[in-house]
């Protein structure tokens, strides 16, 4: 199984990683890769932790992100960008309809950034905005994160 994770991480980081990247950018790339693995592998999950090991061997907890929140924002962006990719490839969509879909994407990206830069923790308001902005039939890639059906509403 390690090979699958290694290959997935390599695929996600190969075109983006550069030795000249800042620790902030490397951390974000690592969070993205780990988040993808956690969404791919059923038995991989839980809170992520990142440590920085400096050149002299000192370990610090100086990753400049709240990792759990960043994973959620990255997931939201991945969902929105996949939806936009399908909109781009929809040859039956006229230009004005595509422009509307592009504006929805832009609004979603701005919403993600607003939460991310404000440091606002995800919670009920974020969930309410997601539900209000997208109908279930517009999110075919949405999957349950629980083992079975739940009788309780979020």
Protein backbone atom coordinates (compact mmCIF):
# COMPACT_ATOMS: atom_id res chain seq x y z
CA UNK A 1 0.00 0.00 0.00
CA UNK A 2 2.88 2.40 0.61
CA UNK A 3 3.57 2.36 -3.13
CA UNK A 4 0.07 3.72 -3.86
CA UNK A 5 0.52 6.61 -1.43
CA UNK A 6 4.02 7.31 -2.72
CA UNK A 7 2.80 7.33 -6.33
CA UNK A 8 -0.18 9.55 -5.52
CA UNK A 9 2.00 12.02 -3.62
CA UNK A 10 4.56 12.03 -6.42
CA UNK A 11 1.84 12.66 -9.00
CA UNK A 12 0.37 15.56 -7.02
CA UNK A 13 3.69 17.23 -6.27
CA UNK A 14 5.83 16.50 -9.34
CA UNK A 15 4.67 19.43 -11.48
CA UNK A 16 4.52 21.92 -8.62
CA UNK A 17 7.43 21.30 -6.27
CA UNK A 18 10.57 23.41 -6.60
CA UNK A 19 13.58 23.46 -4.25
CA UNK A 20 13.23 27.26 -4.18
CA UNK A 21 9.73 27.09 -2.62
CA UNK A 22 9.13 28.71 0.76
CA UNK A 23 8.21 26.56 3.77
CA UNK A 24 4.70 28.04 3.51
CA UNK A 25 4.33 26.81 -0.07
CA UNK A 26 5.88 23.39 0.63
CA UNK A 27 3.54 22.96 3.63
CA UNK A 28 0.52 23.80 1.49
CA UNK A 29 1.62 21.33 -1.18
CA UNK A 30 2.17 18.63 1.46
CA UNK A 31 -1.24 19.32 3.01
CA UNK A 32 -2.82 18.97 -0.43
CA UNK A 33 -1.07 15.64 -1.08
CA UNK A 34 -1.91 14.22 2.35
CA UNK A 35 -5.51 15.38 2.04
CA UNK A 36 -5.78 13.60 -1.32
CA UNK A 37 -4.41 10.38 0.15
CA UNK A 38 -6.82 10.62 3.08
CA UNK A 39 -9.76 11.08 0.71
CA UNK A 40 -8.53 8.21 -1.49
CA UNK A 41 -7.72 5.60 1.14
CA UNK A 42 -10.61 4.43 3.33
CA UNK A 43 -8.46 3.57 6.35
CA UNK A 44 -6.34 6.72 6.31
CA UNK A 45 -7.63 9.76 8.15
CA UNK A 46 -7.71 11.73 11.33
CA UNK A 47 -5.98 14.97 12.21
CA UNK A 48 -2.80 15.72 10.28
CA UNK A 49 0.32 17.07 11.92
CA UNK A 50 3.28 18.69 10.20
CA UNK A 51 6.67 19.45 11.70
CA UNK A 52 9.53 21.44 10.23
CA UNK A 53 13.01 20.00 10.59
CA UNK A 54 15.61 22.74 10.18
CA UNK A 55 19.09 22.28 8.70
CA UNK A 56 20.55 21.87 12.21
CA UNK A 57 18.03 19.11 13.07
CA UNK A 58 15.76 21.21 15.28
CA UNK A 59 12.09 20.26 14.99
CA UNK A 60 9.45 22.96 15.20
CA UNK A 61 5.73 23.18 14.80
CA UNK A 62 5.98 26.25 12.60
CA UNK A 63 3.74 25.23 9.69
CA UNK A 64 1.89 28.45 8.94
CA UNK A 65 -1.54 26.85 8.48
CA UNK A 66 -4.25 25.35 10.62
CA UNK A 67 -3.86 22.01 8.86
CA UNK A 68 -7.40 20.69 9.37
CA UNK A 69 -8.93 23.89 8.07
CA UNK A 70 -6.51 23.99 5.12
CA UNK A 71 -7.51 20.42 4.19
CA UNK A 72 -11.16 21.49 4.07
CA UNK A 73 -10.40 24.55 1.95
CA UNK A 74 -8.24 22.51 -0.42
CA UNK A 75 -11.04 19.96 -0.75
CA UNK A 76 -13.56 22.71 -1.48
CA UNK A 77 -11.25 24.17 -4.14
CA UNK A 78 -10.64 20.75 -5.72
CA UNK A 79 -14.40 20.16 -5.94
CA UNK A 80 -15.03 23.59 -7.47
CA UNK A 81 -12.18 23.25 -9.98
CA UNK A 82 -13.34 19.75 -11.05
CA UNK A 83 -16.82 21.15 -11.60
CA UNK A 84 -15.33 23.98 -13.69
CA UNK A 85 -13.28 21.49 -15.72
CA UNK A 86 -16.48 19.69 -16.70
CA UNK A 87 -18.09 23.03 -17.51
CA UNK A 88 -15.13 23.86 -19.78
CA UNK A 89 -15.49 20.53 -21.58
CA UNK A 90 -19.27 20.75 -21.97
CA UNK A 91 -19.52 21.51 -25.70
CA UNK A 92 -23.31 21.87 -25.49
CA UNK A 93 -23.04 24.85 -23.13
CA UNK A 94 -23.27 28.22 -24.83
CA UNK A 95 -20.89 31.06 -23.97
CA UNK A 96 -23.29 32.98 -21.73
CA UNK A 97 -24.13 29.85 -19.69
CA UNK A 98 -20.42 29.07 -19.35
CA UNK A 99 -19.76 32.64 -18.24
CA UNK A 100 -22.37 32.19 -15.50
CA UNK A 101 -20.74 28.94 -14.38
CA UNK A 102 -17.35 30.67 -14.37
CA UNK A 103 -18.78 33.41 -12.14
CA UNK A 104 -20.05 30.70 -9.74
CA UNK A 105 -16.51 29.28 -9.65
CA UNK A 106 -15.02 32.71 -8.98
CA UNK A 107 -17.52 33.31 -6.16
CA UNK A 108 -16.65 29.92 -4.64
CA UNK A 109 -12.90 30.64 -4.78
CA UNK A 110 -13.46 34.04 -3.15
CA UNK A 111 -15.55 32.40 -0.42
CA UNK A 112 -12.79 29.87 0.27
CA UNK A 113 -10.20 32.64 0.43
CA UNK A 114 -12.40 34.75 2.72
CA UNK A 115 -12.57 31.91 5.24
CA UNK A 116 -8.92 31.03 4.85
CA UNK A 117 -7.47 34.50 5.34
CA UNK A 118 -9.88 35.44 8.11
CA UNK A 119 -8.77 32.44 10.15
CA UNK A 120 -12.46 31.72 10.68
CA UNK A 121 -12.87 28.10 11.69
CA UNK A 122 -15.20 26.07 9.52
CA UNK A 123 -18.50 25.41 11.16
CA UNK A 124 -22.21 25.84 10.81
CA UNK A 125 -22.08 29.12 8.86
CA UNK A 126 -19.68 27.61 6.32
CA UNK A 127 -21.89 24.54 5.98
CA UNK A 128 -24.97 26.74 5.56
CA UNK A 129 -23.27 28.70 2.78
CA UNK A 130 -22.25 25.50 0.98
CA UNK A 131 -25.74 24.06 1.15
CA UNK A 132 -27.28 27.36 0.09
CA UNK A 133 -24.93 27.82 -2.88
CA UNK A 134 -25.06 24.35 -4.40
CA UNK A 135 -27.97 21.97 -4.86
CA UNK A 136 -27.25 18.28 -4.31
CA UNK A 137 -27.64 17.47 -8.02
CA UNK A 138 -24.90 20.00 -8.81
CA UNK A 139 -22.42 18.14 -6.57
CA UNK A 140 -22.31 14.59 -8.01
CA UNK A 141 -18.84 14.03 -6.53
CA UNK A 142 -20.03 14.59 -2.95
CA UNK A 143 -19.69 11.45 -0.86
CA UNK A 144 -20.53 10.50 2.68
CA UNK A 145 -17.69 10.64 5.18
CA UNK A 146 -19.33 8.18 7.57
CA UNK A 147 -19.44 4.38 7.61
CA UNK A 148 -23.18 4.20 7.25
CA UNK A 149 -26.38 6.18 6.92
CA UNK A 150 -27.20 8.58 9.72
CA UNK A 151 -30.64 9.45 10.94
CA UNK A 152 -29.46 12.83 12.26
CA UNK A 153 -29.33 15.95 10.15
CA UNK A 154 -26.10 17.98 10.37
